[in-house]
Amino acid sequence: MSKKRRTFTPEFKFQVAMEYLTGQKRRVEILREHELSDSTLERWCQRLKERGSQVFAADDHSLLAEREQRIAELERVIGQLTVELAAAKKVSNWLDSR
């Protein structure tokens, strides 16, 4: 039987990497406790070091994404109302001509 590949949440990866980087736990303790390979922990720590500054940039990006999503939603509603208004005008003109 093949061994099922485990997946980890970003929060878990962050927590484990921080435990090691802050010295809360020794590397060996973390590897045994979570049944991780040395290369996995090293990769998580390296990513955290490289991309740590992006954590604070994410606040700006999420706010911008929320605004863009709201604008797209409003544009969709405006388009729908425009179509409904055009249809109502056609029906009104048709009723007036009768």
PDB file of N, CA and C in Angstrom:
ATOM      1  N   MET A   1       0.834  -1.191   0.000  1.00  0.00           N
ATOM      2  CA  MET A   1       0.000   0.000   0.000  1.00  0.00           C
ATOM      3  C   MET A   1       0.868   1.240   0.000  1.00  0.00           C
ATOM      4  N   SER A   2       0.376   2.248  -0.705  1.00  0.00           N
ATOM      5  CA  SER A   2       1.134   3.491  -0.733  1.00  0.00           C
ATOM      6  C   SER A   2       0.758   4.344   0.477  1.00  0.00           C
ATOM      7  N   LYS A   3       1.710   5.087   0.922  1.00  0.00           N
ATOM      8  CA  LYS A   3       1.497   5.945   2.076  1.00  0.00           C
ATOM      9  C   LYS A   3       0.802   7.232   1.618  1.00  0.00           C
ATOM     10  N   LYS A   4      -0.259   7.608   2.295  1.00  0.00           N
ATOM     11  CA  LYS A   4      -1.000   8.808   1.918  1.00  0.00           C
ATOM     12  C   LYS A   4      -0.194  10.051   2.277  1.00  0.00           C
ATOM     13  N   ARG A   5      -0.102  10.965   1.340  1.00  0.00           N
ATOM     14  CA  ARG A   5       0.641  12.199   1.537  1.00  0.00           C
ATOM     15  C   ARG A   5      -0.141  13.117   2.472  1.00  0.00           C
ATOM     16  N   ARG A   6       0.539  13.633   3.478  1.00  0.00           N
ATOM     17  CA  ARG A   6      -0.116  14.524   4.428  1.00  0.00           C
ATOM     18  C   ARG A   6      -0.071  15.961   3.911  1.00  0.00           C
ATOM     19  N   THR A   7      -1.088  16.709   4.270  1.00  0.00           N
ATOM     20  CA  THR A   7      -1.108  18.135   3.941  1.00  0.00           C
ATOM     21  C   THR A   7      -1.212  18.921   5.235  1.00  0.00           C
ATOM     22  N   PHE A   8      -0.615  20.090   5.242  1.00  0.00           N
ATOM     23  CA  PHE A   8      -0.594  20.926   6.430  1.00  0.00           C
ATOM     24  C   PHE A   8      -1.133  22.307   6.094  1.00  0.00           C
ATOM     25  N   THR A   9      -1.850  22.885   7.033  1.00  0.00           N
ATOM     26  CA  THR A   9      -2.377  24.222   6.818  1.00  0.00           C
ATOM     27  C   THR A   9      -1.240  25.246   6.935  1.00  0.00           C
ATOM     28  N   PRO A  10      -1.416  26.405   6.324  1.00  0.00           N
ATOM     29  CA  PRO A  10      -0.408  27.453   6.468  1.00  0.00           C
ATOM     30  C   PRO A  10      -0.197  27.848   7.931  1.00  0.00           C
ATOM     31  N   GLU A  11      -1.268  27.822   8.720  1.00  0.00           N
ATOM     32  CA  GLU A  11      -1.166  28.181  10.131  1.00  0.00           C
ATOM     33  C   GLU A  11      -0.280  27.191  10.887  1.00  0.00           C
ATOM     34  N   PHE A  12      -0.451  25.914  10.574  1.00  0.00           N
ATOM     35  CA  PHE A  12       0.366  24.882  11.214  1.00  0.00           C
ATOM     36  C   PHE A  12       1.831  25.049  10.843  1.00  0.00           C
ATOM     37  N   LYS A  13       2.099  25.262   9.564  1.00  0.00           N
ATOM     38  CA  LYS A  13       3.478  25.453   9.107  1.00  0.00           C
ATOM     39  C   LYS A  13       4.120  26.644   9.807  1.00  0.00           C
ATOM     40  N   PHE A  14       3.359  27.723   9.910  1.00  0.00           N
ATOM     41  CA  PHE A  14       3.868  28.931  10.575  1.00  0.00           C
ATOM     42  C   PHE A  14       4.181  28.638  12.037  1.00  0.00           C
ATOM     43  N   GLN A  15       3.260  27.961  12.718  1.00  0.00           N
ATOM     44  CA  GLN A  15       3.436  27.655  14.140  1.00  0.00           C
ATOM     45  C   GLN A  15       4.676  26.799  14.362  1.00  0.00           C
ATOM     46  N   VAL A  16       4.839  25.770  13.564  1.00  0.00           N
ATOM     47  CA  VAL A  16       5.976  24.860  13.721  1.00  0.00           C
ATOM     48  C   VAL A  16       7.290  25.587  13.432  1.00  0.00           C
ATOM     49  N   ALA A  17       7.318  26.361  12.354  1.00  0.00           N
ATOM     50  CA  ALA A  17       8.537  27.098  12.010  1.00  0.00           C
ATOM     51  C   ALA A  17       8.891  28.106  13.103  1.00  0.00           C
ATOM     52  N   MET A  18       7.888  28.764  13.653  1.00  0.00           N
ATOM     53  CA  MET A  18       8.148  29.749  14.710  1.00  0.00           C
ATOM     54  C   MET A  18       8.639  29.079  15.986  1.00  0.00           C
ATOM     55  N   GLU A  19       8.111  27.901  16.299  1.00  0.00           N
ATOM     56  CA  GLU A  19       8.589  27.165  17.474  1.00  0.00           C
ATOM     57  C   GLU A  19      10.090  26.917  17.365  1.00  0.00           C
ATOM     58  N   TYR A  20      10.530  26.576  16.162  1.00  0.00           N
ATOM     59  CA  TYR A  20      11.955  26.308  15.971  1.00  0.00           C
ATOM     60  C   TYR A  20      12.761  27.608  15.937  1.00  0.00           C
ATOM     61  N   LEU A  21      12.308  28.579  15.166  1.00  0.00           N
ATOM     62  CA  LEU A  21      13.080  29.809  14.987  1.00  0.00           C
ATOM     63  C   LEU A  21      13.185  30.635  16.267  1.00  0.00           C
ATOM     64  N   THR A  22      12.177  30.568  17.130  1.00  0.00           N
ATOM     65  CA  THR A  22      12.218  31.325  18.383  1.00  0.00           C
ATOM     66  C   THR A  22      12.893  30.555  19.506  1.00  0.00           C
ATOM     67  N   GLY A  23      13.211  29.286  19.240  1.00  0.00           N
ATOM     68  CA  GLY A  23      13.900  28.488  20.241  1.00  0.00           C
ATOM     69  C   GLY A  23      12.987  27.877  21.290  1.00  0.00           C
ATOM     70  N   GLN A  24      11.690  27.883  21.064  1.00  0.00           N
ATOM     71  CA  GLN A  24      10.763  27.277  22.012  1.00  0.00           C
ATOM     72  C   GLN A  24      11.008  25.777  22.128  1.00  0.00           C
ATOM     73  N   LYS A  25      11.321  25.161  20.999  1.00  0.00           N
ATOM     74  CA  LYS A  25      11.589  23.720  20.986  1.00  0.00           C
ATOM     75  C   LYS A  25      12.822  23.465  20.139  1.00  0.00           C
ATOM     76  N   ARG A  26      13.495  22.365  20.464  1.00  0.00           N
ATOM     77  CA  ARG A  26      14.653  21.976  19.668  1.00  0.00           C
ATOM     78  C   ARG A  26      14.179  21.323  18.379  1.00  0.00           C
ATOM     79  N   ARG A  27      15.044  21.366  17.387  1.00  0.00           N
ATOM     80  CA  ARG A  27      14.723  20.819  16.077  1.00  0.00           C
ATOM     81  C   ARG A  27      14.293  19.347  16.173  1.00  0.00           C
ATOM     82  N   VAL A  28      15.029  18.565  16.918  1.00  0.00           N
ATOM     83  CA  VAL A  28      14.735  17.136  17.065  1.00  0.00           C
ATOM     84  C   VAL A  28      13.363  16.929  17.690  1.00  0.00           C
ATOM     85  N   GLU A  29      13.024  17.739  18.690  1.00  0.00           N
ATOM     86  CA  GLU A  29      11.712  17.614  19.340  1.00  0.00           C
ATOM     87  C   GLU A  29      10.588  17.861  18.340  1.00  0.00           C
ATOM     88  N   ILE A  30      10.753  18.903  17.543  1.00  0.00           N
ATOM     89  CA  ILE A  30       9.716  19.251  16.566  1.00  0.00           C
ATOM     90  C   ILE A  30       9.559  18.142  15.533  1.00  0.00           C
ATOM     91  N   LEU A  31      10.688  17.638  15.022  1.00  0.00           N
ATOM     92  CA  LEU A  31      10.639  16.588  14.004  1.00  0.00           C
ATOM     93  C   LEU A  31       9.957  15.333  14.522  1.00  0.00           C
ATOM     94  N   ARG A  32      10.264  14.939  15.742  1.00  0.00           N
ATOM     95  CA  ARG A  32       9.650  13.737  16.321  1.00  0.00           C
ATOM     96  C   ARG A  32       8.173  13.962  16.648  1.00  0.00           C
ATOM     97  N   GLU A  33       7.887  15.100  17.260  1.00  0.00           N
ATOM     98  CA  GLU A  33       6.515  15.384  17.692  1.00  0.00           C
ATOM     99  C   GLU A  33       5.538  15.399  16.514  1.00  0.00           C
ATOM    100  N   HIS A  34       5.949  15.995  15.411  1.00  0.00           N
ATOM    101  CA  HIS A  34       5.047  16.153  14.270  1.00  0.00           C
ATOM    102  C   HIS A  34       5.340  15.166  13.143  1.00  0.00           C
ATOM    103  N   GLU A  35       6.310  14.263  13.366  1.00  0.00           N
ATOM    104  CA  GLU A  35       6.692  13.273  12.376  1.00  0.00           C
ATOM    105  C   GLU A  35       7.018  13.922  11.032  1.00  0.00           C
ATOM    106  N   LEU A  36       7.914  14.912  11.082  1.00  0.00           N
ATOM    107  CA  LEU A  36       8.330  15.645   9.897  1.00  0.00           C
ATOM    108  C   LEU A  36       9.751  15.256   9.521  1.00  0.00           C
ATOM    109  N   SER A  37      10.080  15.476   8.265  1.00  0.00           N
ATOM    110  CA  SER A  37      11.464  15.277   7.846  1.00  0.00           C
ATOM    111  C   SER A  37      12.230  16.574   8.091  1.00  0.00           C
ATOM    112  N   ASP A  38      13.532  16.433   8.188  1.00  0.00           N
ATOM    113  CA  ASP A  38      14.394  17.592   8.416  1.00  0.00           C
ATOM    114  C   ASP A  38      14.272  18.590   7.271  1.00  0.00           C
ATOM    115  N   SER A  39      14.179  18.079   6.041  1.00  0.00           N
ATOM    116  CA  SER A  39      14.096  18.975   4.881  1.00  0.00           C
ATOM    117  C   SER A  39      12.783  19.759   4.863  1.00  0.00           C
ATOM    118  N   THR A  40      11.704  19.141   5.338  1.00  0.00           N
ATOM    119  CA  THR A  40      10.407  19.837   5.385  1.00  0.00           C
ATOM    120  C   THR A  40      10.473  21.024   6.334  1.00  0.00           C
ATOM    121  N   LEU A  41      10.993  20.795   7.530  1.00  0.00           N
ATOM    122  CA  LEU A  41      11.113  21.885   8.499  1.00  0.00           C
ATOM    123  C   LEU A  41      12.033  22.977   7.964  1.00  0.00           C
ATOM    124  N   GLU A  42      13.123  22.584   7.355  1.00  0.00           N
ATOM    125  CA  GLU A  42      14.062  23.559   6.790  1.00  0.00           C
ATOM    126  C   GLU A  42      13.394  24.399   5.706  1.00  0.00           C
ATOM    127  N   ARG A  43      12.608  23.768   4.855  1.00  0.00           N
ATOM    128  CA  ARG A  43      11.905  24.477   3.780  1.00  0.00           C
ATOM    129  C   ARG A  43      10.892  25.475   4.355  1.00  0.00           C
ATOM    130  N   TRP A  44      10.134  25.055   5.373  1.00  0.00           N
ATOM    131  CA  TRP A  44       9.156  25.951   5.991  1.00  0.00           C
ATOM    132  C   TRP A  44       9.839  27.155   6.626  1.00  0.00           C
ATOM    133  N   CYS A  45      10.936  26.917   7.324  1.00  0.00           N
ATOM    134  CA  CYS A  45      11.662  28.017   7.973  1.00  0.00           C
ATOM    135  C   CYS A  45      12.229  28.977   6.931  1.00  0.00           C
ATOM    136  N   GLN A  46      12.761  28.427   5.853  1.00  0.00           N
ATOM    137  CA  GLN A  46      13.330  29.261   4.793  1.00  0.00           C
ATOM    138  C   GLN A  46      12.249  30.122   4.151  1.00  0.00           C
ATOM    139  N   ARG A  47      11.094  29.547   3.874  1.00  0.00           N
ATOM    140  CA  ARG A  47       9.988  30.314   3.287  1.00  0.00           C
ATOM    141  C   ARG A  47       9.534  31.420   4.228  1.00  0.00           C
ATOM    142  N   LEU A  48       9.478  31.119   5.508  1.00  0.00           N
ATOM    143  CA  LEU A  48       9.069  32.124   6.481  1.00  0.00           C
ATOM    144  C   LEU A  48      10.065  33.278   6.502  1.00  0.00           C
ATOM    145  N   LYS A  49      11.338  32.967   6.465  1.00  0.00           N
ATOM    146  CA  LYS A  49      12.360  34.007   6.452  1.00  0.00           C
ATOM    147  C   LYS A  49      12.293  34.845   5.177  1.00  0.00           C
ATOM    148  N   GLU A  50      12.083  34.193   4.040  1.00  0.00           N
ATOM    149  CA  GLU A  50      12.054  34.892   2.759  1.00  0.00           C
ATOM    150  C   GLU A  50      10.794  35.731   2.581  1.00  0.00           C
ATOM    151  N   ARG A  51       9.679  35.217   3.024  1.00  0.00           N
ATOM    152  CA  ARG A  51       8.390  35.863   2.741  1.00  0.00           C
ATOM    153  C   ARG A  51       7.756  36.525   3.959  1.00  0.00           C
ATOM    154  N   GLY A  52       8.492  36.661   5.013  1.00  0.00           N
ATOM    155  CA  GLY A  52       7.942  37.237   6.235  1.00  0.00           C
ATOM    156  C   GLY A  52       7.390  38.636   6.050  1.00  0.00           C
ATOM    157  N   SER A  53       8.051  39.438   5.233  1.00  0.00           N
ATOM    158  CA  SER A  53       7.591  40.814   5.033  1.00  0.00           C
ATOM    159  C   SER A  53       6.268  40.864   4.288  1.00  0.00           C
ATOM    160  N   GLN A  54       5.956  39.822   3.534  1.00  0.00           N
ATOM    161  CA  GLN A  54       4.704  39.796   2.786  1.00  0.00           C
ATOM    162  C   GLN A  54       3.495  39.651   3.696  1.00  0.00           C
ATOM    163  N   VAL A  55       3.707  39.207   4.908  1.00  0.00           N
ATOM    164  CA  VAL A  55       2.603  39.067   5.855  1.00  0.00           C
ATOM    165  C   VAL A  55       1.946  40.424   6.086  1.00  0.00           C
ATOM    166  N   PHE A  56       2.752  41.453   6.219  1.00  0.00           N
ATOM    167  CA  PHE A  56       2.210  42.778   6.475  1.00  0.00           C
ATOM    168  C   PHE A  56       1.655  43.406   5.205  1.00  0.00           C
ATOM    169  N   ALA A  57       2.172  43.021   4.071  1.00  0.00           N
ATOM    170  CA  ALA A  57       1.651  43.522   2.804  1.00  0.00           C
ATOM    171  C   ALA A  57       0.300  42.902   2.491  1.00  0.00           C
ATOM    172  N   ALA A  58       0.020  41.739   3.063  1.00  0.00           N
ATOM    173  CA  ALA A  58      -1.237  41.046   2.800  1.00  0.00           C
ATOM    174  C   ALA A  58      -2.433  41.877   3.253  1.00  0.00           C
ATOM    175  N   ASP A  59      -2.271  42.672   4.306  1.00  0.00           N
ATOM    176  CA  ASP A  59      -3.371  43.518   4.765  1.00  0.00           C
ATOM    177  C   ASP A  59      -3.800  44.478   3.668  1.00  0.00           C
ATOM    178  N   ASP A  60      -2.838  45.100   3.001  1.00  0.00           N
ATOM    179  CA  ASP A  60      -3.132  46.027   1.920  1.00  0.00           C
ATOM    180  C   ASP A  60      -3.774  45.314   0.744  1.00  0.00           C
ATOM    181  N   HIS A  61      -3.255  44.119   0.421  1.00  0.00           N
ATOM    182  CA  HIS A  61      -3.776  43.365  -0.707  1.00  0.00           C
ATOM    183  C   HIS A  61      -5.190  42.877  -0.444  1.00  0.00           C
ATOM    184  N   SER A  62      -5.469  42.443   0.771  1.00  0.00           N
ATOM    185  CA  SER A  62      -6.811  41.933   1.059  1.00  0.00           C
ATOM    186  C   SER A  62      -7.840  43.055   1.019  1.00  0.00           C
ATOM    187  N   LEU A  63      -7.451  44.242   1.494  1.00  0.00           N
ATOM    188  CA  LEU A  63      -8.361  45.383   1.437  1.00  0.00           C
ATOM    189  C   LEU A  63      -8.640  45.759  -0.009  1.00  0.00           C
ATOM    190  N   LEU A  64      -7.613  45.766  -0.830  1.00  0.00           N
ATOM    191  CA  LEU A  64      -7.767  46.079  -2.246  1.00  0.00           C
ATOM    192  C   LEU A  64      -8.629  45.029  -2.933  1.00  0.00           C
ATOM    193  N   ALA A  65      -8.412  43.763  -2.609  1.00  0.00           N
ATOM    194  CA  ALA A  65      -9.199  42.683  -3.204  1.00  0.00           C
ATOM    195  C   ALA A  65     -10.669  42.790  -2.810  1.00  0.00           C
ATOM    196  N   GLU A  66     -10.934  43.158  -1.554  1.00  0.00           N
ATOM    197  CA  GLU A  66     -12.320  43.336  -1.107  1.00  0.00           C
ATOM    198  C   GLU A  66     -12.988  44.464  -1.874  1.00  0.00           C
ATOM    199  N   ARG A  67     -12.278  45.555  -2.071  1.00  0.00           N
ATOM    200  CA  ARG A  67     -12.828  46.688  -2.826  1.00  0.00           C
ATOM    201  C   ARG A  67     -13.109  46.306  -4.270  1.00  0.00           C
ATOM    202  N   GLU A  68     -12.168  45.600  -4.890  1.00  0.00           N
ATOM    203  CA  GLU A  68     -12.360  45.174  -6.271  1.00  0.00           C
ATOM    204  C   GLU A  68     -13.538  44.225  -6.399  1.00  0.00           C
ATOM    205  N   GLN A  69     -13.693  43.355  -5.414  1.00  0.00           N
ATOM    206  CA  GLN A  69     -14.816  42.425  -5.430  1.00  0.00           C
ATOM    207  C   GLN A  69     -16.140  43.188  -5.295  1.00  0.00           C
ATOM    208  N   ARG A  70     -16.173  44.169  -4.435  1.00  0.00           N
ATOM    209  CA  ARG A  70     -17.393  44.977  -4.246  1.00  0.00           C
ATOM    210  C   ARG A  70     -17.723  45.759  -5.513  1.00  0.00           C
ATOM    211  N   ILE A  71     -16.706  46.318  -6.156  1.00  0.00           N
ATOM    212  CA  ILE A  71     -16.920  47.063  -7.403  1.00  0.00           C
ATOM    213  C   ILE A  71     -17.475  46.136  -8.471  1.00  0.00           C
ATOM    214  N   ALA A  72     -16.908  44.933  -8.588  1.00  0.00           N
ATOM    215  CA  ALA A  72     -17.399  43.973  -9.579  1.00  0.00           C
ATOM    216  C   ALA A  72     -18.849  43.603  -9.309  1.00  0.00           C
ATOM    217  N   GLU A  73     -19.191  43.437  -8.047  1.00  0.00           N
ATOM    218  CA  GLU A  73     -20.567  43.108  -7.685  1.00  0.00           C
ATOM    219  C   GLU A  73     -21.522  44.248  -8.055  1.00  0.00           C
ATOM    220  N   LEU A  74     -21.114  45.473  -7.768  1.00  0.00           N
ATOM    221  CA  LEU A  74     -21.953  46.624  -8.100  1.00  0.00           C
ATOM    222  C   LEU A  74     -22.092  46.794  -9.614  1.00  0.00           C
ATOM    223  N   GLU A  75     -21.017  46.563 -10.350  1.00  0.00           N
ATOM    224  CA  GLU A  75     -21.100  46.643 -11.813  1.00  0.00           C
ATOM    225  C   GLU A  75     -22.055  45.596 -12.368  1.00  0.00           C
ATOM    226  N   ARG A  76     -22.055  44.409 -11.773  1.00  0.00           N
ATOM    227  CA  ARG A  76     -22.978  43.355 -12.201  1.00  0.00           C
ATOM    228  C   ARG A  76     -24.428  43.779 -11.955  1.00  0.00           C
ATOM    229  N   VAL A  77     -24.677  44.359 -10.791  1.00  0.00           N
ATOM    230  CA  VAL A  77     -26.033  44.807 -10.452  1.00  0.00           C
ATOM    231  C   VAL A  77     -26.469  45.924 -11.404  1.00  0.00           C
ATOM    232  N   ILE A  78     -25.570  46.853 -11.687  1.00  0.00           N
ATOM    233  CA  ILE A  78     -25.897  47.945 -12.616  1.00  0.00           C
ATOM    234  C   ILE A  78     -26.239  47.380 -13.996  1.00  0.00           C
ATOM    235  N   GLY A  79     -25.468  46.400 -14.460  1.00  0.00           N
ATOM    236  CA  GLY A  79     -25.746  45.780 -15.755  1.00  0.00           C
ATOM    237  C   GLY A  79     -27.105  45.107 -15.772  1.00  0.00           C
ATOM    238  N   GLN A  80     -27.425  44.419 -14.692  1.00  0.00           N
ATOM    239  CA  GLN A  80     -28.716  43.744 -14.602  1.00  0.00           C
ATOM    240  C   GLN A  80     -29.854  44.766 -14.611  1.00  0.00           C
ATOM    241  N   LEU A  81     -29.699  45.840 -13.865  1.00  0.00           N
ATOM    242  CA  LEU A  81     -30.744  46.875 -13.821  1.00  0.00           C
ATOM    243  C   LEU A  81     -30.902  47.566 -15.176  1.00  0.00           C
ATOM    244  N   THR A  82     -29.802  47.746 -15.897  1.00  0.00           N
ATOM    245  CA  THR A  82     -29.859  48.355 -17.221  1.00  0.00           C
ATOM    246  C   THR A  82     -30.672  47.488 -18.178  1.00  0.00           C
ATOM    247  N   VAL A  83     -30.443  46.185 -18.129  1.00  0.00           N
ATOM    248  CA  VAL A  83     -31.189  45.253 -18.983  1.00  0.00           C
ATOM    249  C   VAL A  83     -32.665  45.277 -18.609  1.00  0.00           C
ATOM    250  N   GLU A  84     -32.968  45.272 -17.325  1.00  0.00           N
ATOM    251  CA  GLU A  84     -34.363  45.289 -16.878  1.00  0.00           C
ATOM    252  C   GLU A  84     -35.054  46.591 -17.292  1.00  0.00           C
ATOM    253  N   LEU A  85     -34.342  47.705 -17.204  1.00  0.00           N
ATOM    254  CA  LEU A  85     -34.917  48.995 -17.604  1.00  0.00           C
ATOM    255  C   LEU A  85     -35.211  49.014 -19.099  1.00  0.00           C
ATOM    256  N   ALA A  86     -34.293  48.501 -19.895  1.00  0.00           N
ATOM    257  CA  ALA A  86     -34.506  48.452 -21.338  1.00  0.00           C
ATOM    258  C   ALA A  86     -35.725  47.602 -21.674  1.00  0.00           C
ATOM    259  N   ALA A  87     -35.868  46.474 -20.991  1.00  0.00           N
ATOM    260  CA  ALA A  87     -37.022  45.602 -21.220  1.00  0.00           C
ATOM    261  C   ALA A  87     -38.311  46.308 -20.803  1.00  0.00           C
ATOM    262  N   ALA A  88     -38.283  47.016 -19.684  1.00  0.00           N
ATOM    263  CA  ALA A  88     -39.471  47.731 -19.218  1.00  0.00           C
ATOM    264  C   ALA A  88     -39.862  48.828 -20.207  1.00  0.00           C
ATOM    265  N   LYS A  89     -38.882  49.512 -20.783  1.00  0.00           N
ATOM    266  CA  LYS A  89     -39.173  50.563 -21.773  1.00  0.00           C
ATOM    267  C   LYS A  89     -39.808  49.958 -23.014  1.00  0.00           C
ATOM    268  N   LYS A  90     -39.306  48.787 -23.460  1.00  0.00           N
ATOM    269  CA  LYS A  90     -39.899  48.139 -24.639  1.00  0.00           C
ATOM    270  C   LYS A  90     -41.339  47.756 -24.378  1.00  0.00           C
ATOM    271  N   VAL A  91     -41.604  47.204 -23.204  1.00  0.00           N
ATOM    272  CA  VAL A  91     -42.973  46.801 -22.865  1.00  0.00           C
ATOM    273  C   VAL A  91     -43.855  48.035 -22.775  1.00  0.00           C
ATOM    274  N   SER A  92     -43.336  49.107 -22.176  1.00  0.00           N
ATOM    275  CA  SER A  92     -44.103  50.341 -22.054  1.00  0.00           C
ATOM    276  C   SER A  92     -44.431  50.928 -23.430  1.00  0.00           C
ATOM    277  N   ASN A  93     -43.451  50.954 -24.334  1.00  0.00           N
ATOM    278  CA  ASN A  93     -43.689  51.455 -25.702  1.00  0.00           C
ATOM    279  C   ASN A  93     -44.701  50.586 -26.432  1.00  0.00           C
ATOM    280  N   TRP A  94     -44.597  49.270 -26.237  1.00  0.00           N
ATOM    281  CA  TRP A  94     -45.523  48.350 -26.898  1.00  0.00           C
ATOM    282  C   TRP A  94     -46.944  48.589 -26.373  1.00  0.00           C
ATOM    283  N   LEU A  95     -47.112  48.783 -25.041  1.00  0.00           N
ATOM    284  CA  LEU A  95     -48.436  49.030 -24.472  1.00  0.00           C
ATOM    285  C   LEU A  95     -49.000  50.381 -24.921  1.00  0.00           C
ATOM    286  N   ASP A  96     -48.154  51.386 -25.051  1.00  0.00           N
ATOM    287  CA  ASP A  96     -48.595  52.714 -25.491  1.00  0.00           C
ATOM    288  C   ASP A  96     -49.066  52.688 -26.943  1.00  0.00           C
ATOM    289  N   SER A  97     -48.455  51.850 -27.745  1.00  0.00           N
ATOM    290  CA  SER A  97     -48.808  51.798 -29.168  1.00  0.00           C
ATOM    291  C   SER A  97     -50.116  51.051 -29.406  1.00  0.00           C
ATOM    292  N   ARG A  98     -50.596  50.324 -28.463  1.00  0.00           N
ATOM    293  CA  ARG A  98     -51.857  49.569 -28.613  1.00  0.00           C
ATOM    294  C   ARG A  98     -53.017  50.419 -28.420  1.00  0.00           C
TER     295      ARG A  98
END
